Protein backbone atom coordinates (compact mmCIF):
# COMPACT_ATOMS: atom_id res chain seq x y z
CA UNK A 1 129.49 110.77 98.30
CA UNK A 2 130.26 109.31 101.71
CA UNK A 3 127.38 108.34 103.98
CA UNK A 4 127.57 109.04 107.69
CA UNK A 5 125.20 107.85 110.43
CA UNK A 6 124.35 109.65 113.66
CA UNK A 7 121.98 108.74 116.50
CA UNK A 8 120.02 111.94 117.17
CA UNK A 9 118.12 110.57 120.18
CA UNK A 10 117.31 107.09 121.50
CA UNK A 11 116.41 104.87 118.55
CA UNK A 12 116.42 107.76 116.05
CA UNK A 13 119.17 107.54 113.41
CA UNK A 14 120.09 109.93 110.62
CA UNK A 15 121.80 108.75 107.44
CA UNK A 16 123.43 111.83 105.93
CA UNK A 17 124.56 111.77 102.28
CA UNK A 18 126.15 115.00 101.02
CA UNK A 19 125.61 115.74 97.34
CA UNK A 20 125.78 118.76 95.03
CA UNK A 21 124.44 116.77 92.10
CA UNK A 22 120.78 117.75 92.48
CA UNK A 23 118.81 121.00 92.49
CA UNK A 24 116.59 119.63 95.24
CA UNK A 25 117.32 118.07 98.60
CA UNK A 26 115.44 115.09 99.98
CA UNK A 27 114.54 114.17 103.52
CA UNK A 28 112.70 111.06 104.68
CA UNK A 29 111.39 109.73 107.96
CA UNK A 30 110.50 106.07 108.47
CA UNK A 31 108.92 104.42 111.50
CA UNK A 32 110.13 100.80 111.67
CA UNK A 33 107.86 98.05 112.96
CA UNK A 34 107.73 94.28 112.83
CA UNK A 35 105.42 93.24 110.02
CA UNK A 36 102.34 91.52 111.43
CA UNK A 37 98.83 90.86 110.23
CA UNK A 38 97.28 92.51 113.28
CA UNK A 39 98.99 95.89 112.84
CA UNK A 40 100.09 96.17 109.19
CA UNK A 41 96.97 97.98 107.98
CA UNK A 42 97.06 100.45 110.90
CA UNK A 43 100.73 101.17 110.27
CA UNK A 44 100.03 101.74 106.58
CA UNK A 45 97.09 104.05 107.31
CA UNK A 46 98.87 106.33 109.79
CA UNK A 47 101.00 108.46 107.40
CA UNK A 48 98.00 109.06 105.15
CA UNK A 49 95.88 110.22 108.08
CA UNK A 50 98.70 112.41 109.40
CA UNK A 51 99.14 113.96 105.94
CA UNK A 52 95.54 115.25 106.09
CA UNK A 53 96.41 118.03 108.53
CA UNK A 54 98.28 119.22 111.60
CA UNK A 55 97.27 121.21 114.68
CA UNK A 56 98.48 124.39 112.94
CA UNK A 57 97.52 123.49 109.36
CA UNK A 58 94.21 121.74 109.94
CA UNK A 59 93.44 120.41 106.46
CA UNK A 60 95.08 119.58 103.16
CA UNK A 61 94.29 123.00 101.72
CA UNK A 62 96.15 124.75 104.55
CA UNK A 63 99.04 122.27 104.23
CA UNK A 64 99.22 122.84 100.48
CA UNK A 65 99.39 126.59 101.03
CA UNK A 66 102.26 126.12 103.46
CA UNK A 67 104.09 123.83 101.02
CA UNK A 68 103.69 126.46 98.30
CA UNK A 69 105.22 129.03 100.67
CA UNK A 70 108.17 126.67 100.96
CA UNK A 71 108.74 126.97 97.19
CA UNK A 72 106.82 123.88 96.14
CA UNK A 73 108.11 121.49 98.76
CA UNK A 74 106.45 118.07 98.40
CA UNK A 75 105.71 115.73 101.30
CA UNK A 76 104.29 112.30 100.46
CA UNK A 77 103.34 109.31 102.64
CA UNK A 78 105.42 106.19 102.02
CA UNK A 79 104.70 102.59 103.08
CA UNK A 80 107.27 99.86 102.39
CA UNK A 81 108.08 96.30 103.38
CA UNK A 82 111.79 95.47 103.61
CA UNK A 83 112.05 91.83 104.56
CA UNK A 84 109.72 91.45 107.54
CA UNK A 85 110.10 95.06 108.63
CA UNK A 86 107.32 97.48 107.74
CA UNK A 87 108.50 101.05 107.10
CA UNK A 88 105.92 103.83 107.21
CA UNK A 89 106.51 107.55 107.07
CA UNK A 90 107.15 110.45 104.72
CA UNK A 91 109.38 111.39 101.81
CA UNK A 92 110.12 115.10 101.38
CA UNK A 93 111.62 116.91 98.40
CA UNK A 94 112.47 120.61 98.55
CA UNK A 95 114.57 123.08 96.55
CA UNK A 96 118.17 123.79 97.45
CA UNK A 97 119.03 127.25 98.76
CA UNK A 98 121.45 127.81 95.85
CA UNK A 99 118.49 127.86 93.45
CA UNK A 100 116.12 130.04 95.50
CA UNK A 101 115.79 133.85 95.47
CA UNK A 102 118.43 135.35 97.72
CA UNK A 103 119.77 131.91 98.56
CA UNK A 104 116.97 131.38 101.06
CA UNK A 105 117.41 128.10 102.98
CA UNK A 106 114.17 126.21 103.67
CA UNK A 107 115.73 123.18 105.37
CA UNK A 108 114.75 124.25 108.89
CA UNK A 109 111.10 125.16 108.13
CA UNK A 110 110.75 121.96 106.06
CA UNK A 111 112.12 119.84 108.92
CA UNK A 112 109.80 121.69 111.30
CA UNK A 113 106.77 120.91 109.13
CA UNK A 114 107.80 117.25 108.92
CA UNK A 115 107.98 117.19 112.71
CA UNK A 116 104.51 118.75 112.93
CA UNK A 117 103.07 116.13 110.59
CA UNK A 118 104.48 113.34 112.71
CA UNK A 119 103.94 114.75 116.21
CA UNK A 120 101.15 117.36 116.05
CA UNK A 121 98.33 115.94 113.93
CA UNK A 122 94.90 117.49 113.67
CA UNK A 123 92.93 116.07 116.62
CA UNK A 124 89.75 116.56 118.61
CA UNK A 125 89.85 115.73 122.30
CA UNK A 126 93.30 114.22 121.81
CA UNK A 127 92.02 111.74 119.20
CA UNK A 128 92.68 111.61 115.47
CA UNK A 129 89.78 113.09 113.53
CA UNK A 130 87.15 110.40 112.68
CA UNK A 131 86.46 111.92 109.27
CA UNK A 132 90.12 111.76 108.26
CA UNK A 133 90.52 108.20 109.54
CA UNK A 134 87.35 106.93 107.86
CA UNK A 135 88.16 108.58 104.54
CA UNK A 136 91.73 107.28 104.37
CA UNK A 137 90.65 103.82 105.55
CA UNK A 138 88.24 103.53 102.63
CA UNK A 139 90.96 104.58 100.18
CA UNK A 140 93.31 101.98 101.65
CA UNK A 141 90.58 99.33 101.43
CA UNK A 142 90.10 100.12 97.75
CA UNK A 143 93.82 99.59 97.13
CA UNK A 144 93.88 96.31 99.06
CA UNK A 145 90.79 95.02 97.26
CA UNK A 146 92.19 96.19 93.94
CA UNK A 147 95.23 93.90 94.19
CA UNK A 148 93.30 91.25 92.29
CA UNK A 149 92.88 93.53 89.25
CA UNK A 150 96.52 93.33 88.18
CA UNK A 151 96.94 89.61 87.65
CA UNK A 152 100.71 89.58 87.29
CA UNK A 153 101.35 91.26 90.64
CA UNK A 154 98.42 89.39 92.20
CA UNK A 155 99.96 86.04 91.25
CA UNK A 156 103.27 87.09 92.81
CA UNK A 157 101.46 88.20 95.96
CA UNK A 158 99.57 84.90 96.19
CA UNK A 159 102.74 82.85 95.67
CA UNK A 160 104.44 84.68 98.53
CA UNK A 161 101.33 84.38 100.69
CA UNK A 162 101.24 80.61 100.23
CA UNK A 163 104.99 80.02 100.29
CA UNK A 164 105.48 82.04 103.48
CA UNK A 165 102.20 81.01 105.10
CA UNK A 166 103.92 80.40 108.45
CA UNK A 167 105.97 83.61 108.33
CA UNK A 168 105.32 87.33 108.78
CA UNK A 169 106.38 87.89 105.17
CA UNK A 170 103.02 86.51 104.02
CA UNK A 171 101.46 89.82 105.06
CA UNK A 172 101.37 92.48 102.34
CA UNK A 173 102.87 95.88 103.02
CA UNK A 174 99.39 97.42 103.35
CA UNK A 175 97.95 94.67 105.53
CA UNK A 176 94.75 92.68 105.02
CA UNK A 177 91.20 93.69 104.16
CA UNK A 178 89.56 92.42 107.35
CA UNK A 179 92.10 94.14 109.59
CA UNK A 180 91.74 97.37 107.63
CA UNK A 181 87.95 97.33 107.91
CA UNK A 182 88.22 97.02 111.69
CA UNK A 183 90.18 100.26 112.11
CA UNK A 184 88.43 103.15 113.89
CA UNK A 185 89.82 106.47 115.05
CA UNK A 186 90.14 105.58 118.74
CA UNK A 187 92.00 102.35 118.01
CA UNK A 188 94.26 104.07 115.49
CA UNK A 189 95.08 106.93 117.87
CA UNK A 190 96.15 104.50 120.58
CA UNK A 191 98.34 102.58 118.14
CA UNK A 192 99.86 105.79 116.76
CA UNK A 193 100.83 106.96 120.25
CA UNK A 194 102.45 103.60 120.95
CA UNK A 195 104.50 103.75 117.73
CA UNK A 196 105.94 107.13 118.63
CA UNK A 197 107.19 105.76 121.93
CA UNK A 198 108.57 102.40 120.80
CA UNK A 199 109.50 102.50 117.08
CA UNK A 200 113.05 102.79 115.84
CA UNK A 201 113.09 105.73 113.43
CA UNK A 202 115.30 106.11 110.36
CA UNK A 203 115.92 109.57 108.88
CA UNK A 204 117.67 110.15 105.56
CA UNK A 205 118.99 113.37 104.06
CA UNK A 206 120.62 113.91 100.69
CA UNK A 207 121.64 117.41 99.65
CA UNK A 208 124.03 120.32 100.03
CA UNK A 209 123.42 121.42 103.61
CA UNK A 210 126.25 120.80 106.10
CA UNK A 211 125.71 117.80 108.35
CA UNK A 212 125.66 119.90 111.54
CA UNK A 213 122.91 122.07 110.08
CA UNK A 214 120.79 119.05 109.18
CA UNK A 215 121.27 117.48 112.61
CA UNK A 216 120.33 120.72 114.35
CA UNK A 217 117.17 121.22 112.27
CA UNK A 218 115.98 117.65 112.81
CA UNK A 219 116.73 117.61 116.53
CA UNK A 220 114.70 120.79 116.99
CA UNK A 221 111.84 119.40 114.87
CA UNK A 222 111.69 116.18 116.92
CA UNK A 223 112.00 117.69 120.40
CA UNK A 224 108.39 116.70 121.33
CA UNK A 225 108.96 113.06 120.28
CA UNK A 226 108.01 110.84 123.25
CA UNK A 227 110.40 107.94 123.71
CA UNK A 228 109.84 104.92 125.89
CA UNK A 229 111.35 101.45 125.62
CA UNK A 230 112.52 101.16 122.00
CA UNK A 231 111.59 97.93 120.20
CA UNK A 232 115.04 96.84 119.04
CA UNK A 233 113.93 93.27 118.43
CA UNK A 234 112.49 93.79 114.95
CA UNK A 235 114.04 91.85 112.09
CA UNK A 236 113.57 89.26 109.37
CA UNK A 237 113.64 85.50 109.82
CA UNK A 238 115.32 83.87 106.82
CA UNK A 239 114.27 80.29 106.15
CA UNK A 240 117.02 78.39 104.35
CA UNK A 241 115.00 75.42 103.18
CA UNK A 242 111.62 74.71 101.64
CA UNK A 243 108.70 74.06 103.96
CA UNK A 244 108.24 70.49 102.69
CA UNK A 245 110.46 67.87 101.07
CA UNK A 246 108.75 68.31 97.70
CA UNK A 247 107.66 71.63 96.18
CA UNK A 248 104.09 72.49 97.10
CA UNK A 249 101.61 73.25 94.31
CA UNK A 250 98.82 75.81 94.53
CA UNK A 251 96.33 76.33 91.72
CA UNK A 252 93.74 79.09 91.59
CA UNK A 253 91.01 79.83 89.04
CA UNK A 254 89.88 83.30 87.99
CA UNK A 255 88.44 84.85 84.87
CA UNK A 256 91.77 85.41 83.09
CA UNK A 257 92.81 85.34 79.44
CA UNK A 258 96.36 84.30 80.24
CA UNK A 259 97.81 81.88 82.76
CA UNK A 260 100.18 83.17 85.43
CA UNK A 261 102.89 80.78 86.58
CA UNK A 262 105.00 81.79 89.59
CA UNK A 263 107.71 79.54 91.03
CA UNK A 264 109.05 80.41 94.47
CA UNK A 265 112.57 79.47 95.55
CA UNK A 266 114.44 79.78 98.83
CA UNK A 267 117.97 81.08 98.27
CA UNK A 268 119.23 78.50 100.73
CA UNK A 269 122.68 78.20 102.28
CA UNK A 270 124.10 81.17 100.38
CA UNK A 271 122.06 83.38 102.75
CA UNK A 272 124.22 82.36 105.71
CA UNK A 273 126.75 84.96 104.52
CA UNK A 274 124.99 86.78 101.67
CA UNK A 275 127.17 88.00 98.83
CA UNK A 276 124.93 90.70 97.36
CA UNK A 277 127.00 91.29 94.24
CA UNK A 278 126.98 87.58 93.35
CA UNK A 279 123.26 87.28 94.08
CA UNK A 280 122.47 90.21 91.80
CA UNK A 281 124.63 88.85 88.98
CA UNK A 282 123.12 85.38 89.33
CA UNK A 283 119.64 86.88 89.09
CA UNK A 284 120.63 88.85 85.99
CA UNK A 285 122.06 85.75 84.34
CA UNK A 286 119.05 83.61 85.21
CA UNK A 287 116.00 85.74 84.67
CA UNK A 288 116.38 89.51 85.07
CA UNK A 289 116.83 91.35 81.79
CA UNK A 290 116.89 90.68 78.08
CA UNK A 291 120.16 88.72 78.11
CA UNK A 292 119.03 86.27 80.80
CA UNK A 293 118.46 82.57 80.18
CA UNK A 294 114.74 82.79 80.88
CA UNK A 295 114.22 85.63 78.42
CA UNK A 296 116.47 84.31 75.67
CA UNK A 297 115.44 80.66 75.84
CA UNK A 298 111.98 80.31 77.41
CA UNK A 299 110.48 83.41 75.85
CA UNK A 300 112.40 84.11 72.64
CA UNK A 301 113.72 80.78 71.30
CA UNK A 302 110.97 78.44 72.47
CA UNK A 303 108.05 80.92 72.62
CA UNK A 304 106.65 79.20 75.70
CA UNK A 305 105.50 82.38 77.39
CA UNK A 306 104.57 86.02 76.94
CA UNK A 307 107.10 87.00 79.59
CA UNK A 308 109.45 85.22 81.98
CA UNK A 309 111.56 86.93 84.59
CA UNK A 310 113.05 86.37 88.02
CA UNK A 311 112.71 88.69 91.02
CA UNK A 312 115.20 88.63 93.87
CA UNK A 313 114.46 89.52 97.49
CA UNK A 314 117.79 89.52 99.29
CA UNK A 315 116.22 90.69 102.55
CA UNK A 316 114.01 87.61 102.90
CA UNK A 317 116.16 85.19 100.91
CA UNK A 318 113.67 84.49 98.12
CA UNK A 319 113.72 84.29 94.34
CA UNK A 320 110.47 84.29 92.35
CA UNK A 321 110.13 83.34 88.70
CA UNK A 322 107.10 85.00 87.11
CA UNK A 323 105.71 83.96 83.74
CA UNK A 324 102.64 84.62 81.62
CA UNK A 325 101.64 81.58 79.54
CA UNK A 326 98.92 79.92 77.51
CA UNK A 327 97.01 77.56 79.76
CA UNK A 328 98.06 74.43 77.84
CA UNK A 329 101.77 75.36 78.08
CA UNK A 330 101.97 75.09 81.85
CA UNK A 331 103.98 71.86 81.95
CA UNK A 332 106.30 72.83 79.08
CA UNK A 333 107.03 76.29 80.50
CA UNK A 334 107.57 74.95 84.02
CA UNK A 335 109.92 72.24 82.77
CA UNK A 336 111.98 74.71 80.72
CA UNK A 337 112.31 77.17 83.61
CA UNK A 338 113.75 74.39 85.76
CA UNK A 339 115.94 73.28 82.83
CA UNK A 340 117.51 76.74 82.59
CA UNK A 341 118.25 76.72 86.32
CA UNK A 342 119.76 73.26 85.99
CA UNK A 343 121.95 74.51 83.15
CA UNK A 344 123.36 77.21 85.42
CA UNK A 345 123.93 74.63 88.15
CA UNK A 346 126.11 72.69 85.71
CA UNK A 347 128.09 75.75 84.68
CA UNK A 348 126.35 76.43 81.37
CA UNK A 349 127.17 80.13 81.30
CA UNK A 350 129.21 81.64 78.48
CA UNK A 351 131.70 84.46 78.92
CA UNK A 352 129.34 86.71 76.98
CA UNK A 353 126.37 85.85 79.20
CA UNK A 354 128.38 86.46 82.37
CA UNK A 355 129.75 89.76 81.02
CA UNK A 356 126.25 90.94 80.10
CA UNK A 357 124.92 90.03 83.56
CA UNK A 358 127.78 91.76 85.36
CA UNK A 359 127.53 94.84 83.17
CA UNK A 360 123.77 95.09 83.61
CA UNK A 361 123.95 94.86 87.39
CA UNK A 362 126.80 97.36 87.63
CA UNK A 363 124.97 99.80 85.35
CA UNK A 364 121.75 99.54 87.37
CA UNK A 365 123.62 100.14 90.62
CA UNK A 366 125.49 103.15 89.26
CA UNK A 367 122.25 104.62 87.95
CA UNK A 368 120.95 104.76 91.54
CA UNK A 369 123.21 107.76 92.10
CA UNK A 370 121.13 109.71 89.55
CA UNK A 371 118.01 109.61 91.73
CA UNK A 372 117.64 110.79 95.31
CA UNK A 373 114.56 108.59 95.69
CA UNK A 374 116.51 105.52 94.65
CA UNK A 375 119.38 106.44 96.96
CA UNK A 376 116.97 106.91 99.86
CA UNK A 377 115.45 103.46 99.34
CA UNK A 378 118.86 101.85 98.89
CA UNK A 379 120.34 103.31 102.07
CA UNK A 380 117.23 102.58 104.13
CA UNK A 381 117.58 98.91 103.18
CA UNK A 382 121.31 99.07 103.93
CA UNK A 383 120.59 100.52 107.38
CA UNK A 384 118.19 97.67 108.15
CA UNK A 385 120.60 95.03 106.86
CA UNK A 386 123.61 96.54 108.63
CA UNK A 387 125.54 96.85 105.37
CA UNK A 388 127.45 100.06 104.66
CA UNK A 389 128.34 99.32 101.03
CA UNK A 390 127.58 102.17 98.60
CA UNK A 391 125.99 101.57 95.17
CA UNK A 392 129.28 102.38 93.45
CA UNK A 393 131.22 99.99 95.67
CA UNK A 394 128.65 97.26 95.06
CA UNK A 395 128.81 97.92 91.30
CA UNK A 396 132.57 97.38 91.38
CA UNK A 397 132.09 94.11 93.25
CA UNK A 398 129.50 93.01 90.68
CA UNK A 399 132.00 93.50 87.87
CA UNK A 400 134.28 90.98 89.57
CA UNK A 401 131.72 88.22 90.17
CA UNK A 402 132.96 84.93 88.71
CA UNK A 403 131.21 82.10 86.95
CA UNK A 404 131.88 79.94 90.00
CA UNK A 405 130.03 82.48 92.18
CA UNK A 406 126.97 82.23 89.93
CA UNK A 407 127.07 78.42 89.86
CA UNK A 408 127.38 78.30 93.66
CA UNK A 409 124.23 80.35 94.11
CA UNK A 410 122.34 78.35 91.48
CA UNK A 411 123.11 75.19 93.42
CA UNK A 412 121.98 76.79 96.68
CA UNK A 413 118.42 77.44 95.45
CA UNK A 414 115.60 75.19 96.63
CA UNK A 415 112.13 75.25 95.09
CA UNK A 416 109.44 75.72 97.73
CA UNK A 417 106.18 76.40 95.89
CA UNK A 418 104.67 76.47 92.40
CA UNK A 419 101.63 78.71 91.92
CA UNK A 420 99.41 78.68 88.83
CA UNK A 421 96.59 81.10 88.11
CA UNK A 422 94.34 79.56 85.48
CA UNK A 423 91.01 80.39 83.85
CA UNK A 424 87.77 79.24 85.39
CA UNK A 425 86.53 81.77 87.92
CA UNK A 426 84.32 84.82 87.55
CA UNK A 427 85.55 88.24 88.61
CA UNK A 428 83.82 91.33 87.32
CA UNK A 429 85.66 94.42 86.16
CA UNK A 430 89.14 92.96 86.23
CA UNK A 431 92.03 93.30 83.85
CA UNK A 432 94.55 90.70 82.80
CA UNK A 433 97.43 93.10 82.32
CA UNK A 434 100.81 91.63 81.62
């Protein structure tokens, strides 16, 4: 599978990935904007409002009927944050012509419907329908408010919020509660119109249709797209060093049965010329997976936590260690997490540990080719990062990462913030899920 990229119109790019591996084809459309607290909630709300109905198919019932006519085509809103770029739009899955009666090809009508969803929403007097906006806003508010219910993800969110307090990355992908509450249909319509004119747009297709056919269908579907001055200045600021000389400490109290310890690191100088394969293997050796040092030593051998794992964000240059602990084991667990990092810094990595890390990363990357959804997300991130490496190529690079590569990255890390969620507050109706 070789990816090709084509600019269909100003600021509108198609990533085309031919594949005969799947019985369905996938098509996605993403509006790209700079993540900001003022607009994040509006950006997140737009695809959900647009999915409620178009000028021709005025409500979800009419849209569902049309999707059934297209042999069960599915179109879902998608909101993502890749670094400090917010990506909002739609993901479409539809059956390949080879598996439909008479070999009927639905690519063109599917692309046309996607264009209608984006460009011809249900309106009254040129404005988005108040009922649709109000209804979807309340659903989005429920999701934003519900972040606190899953303590593990909430602790990660709070660590990022505090660690990146001076950066756009502190804003969640769905925006904030106050900004979401302030949305009304007139304000949202104005913002939506502005996005269509200024946003870079990324399209992705994976399937059997010839590239020329896909380009033709999408160009026709997007003919009404108004384009003004494209905002090409969006991007992610990567901070190499911690905000202060010593790691900051943030403690929060809620009604929890289990403490949540999150340690935030900056990846440091290794982000000047990121080596993705080495970063992934380092993360696997340190804390991702059952052969990692955090799992084997902190969790299994020393029983200092219920879980301990590391999460890597190569787009922003962060690594987060997340752990669930007994409240009185905070100091011991924290000390051991740092001890395992220090061990890697001094080259304490056996051949077996390195082989397991390399193998795990390579296997995960190769498995991406088994899912169109995973491929879509991978190549969208690659488009934003300007990296054309395929999952299979990156897997091969991962298998050749050396111990010295892992040690170099371990020594590049700099702790920025330690967050601890302890017991002591009162929150009704919340779970403490691991």
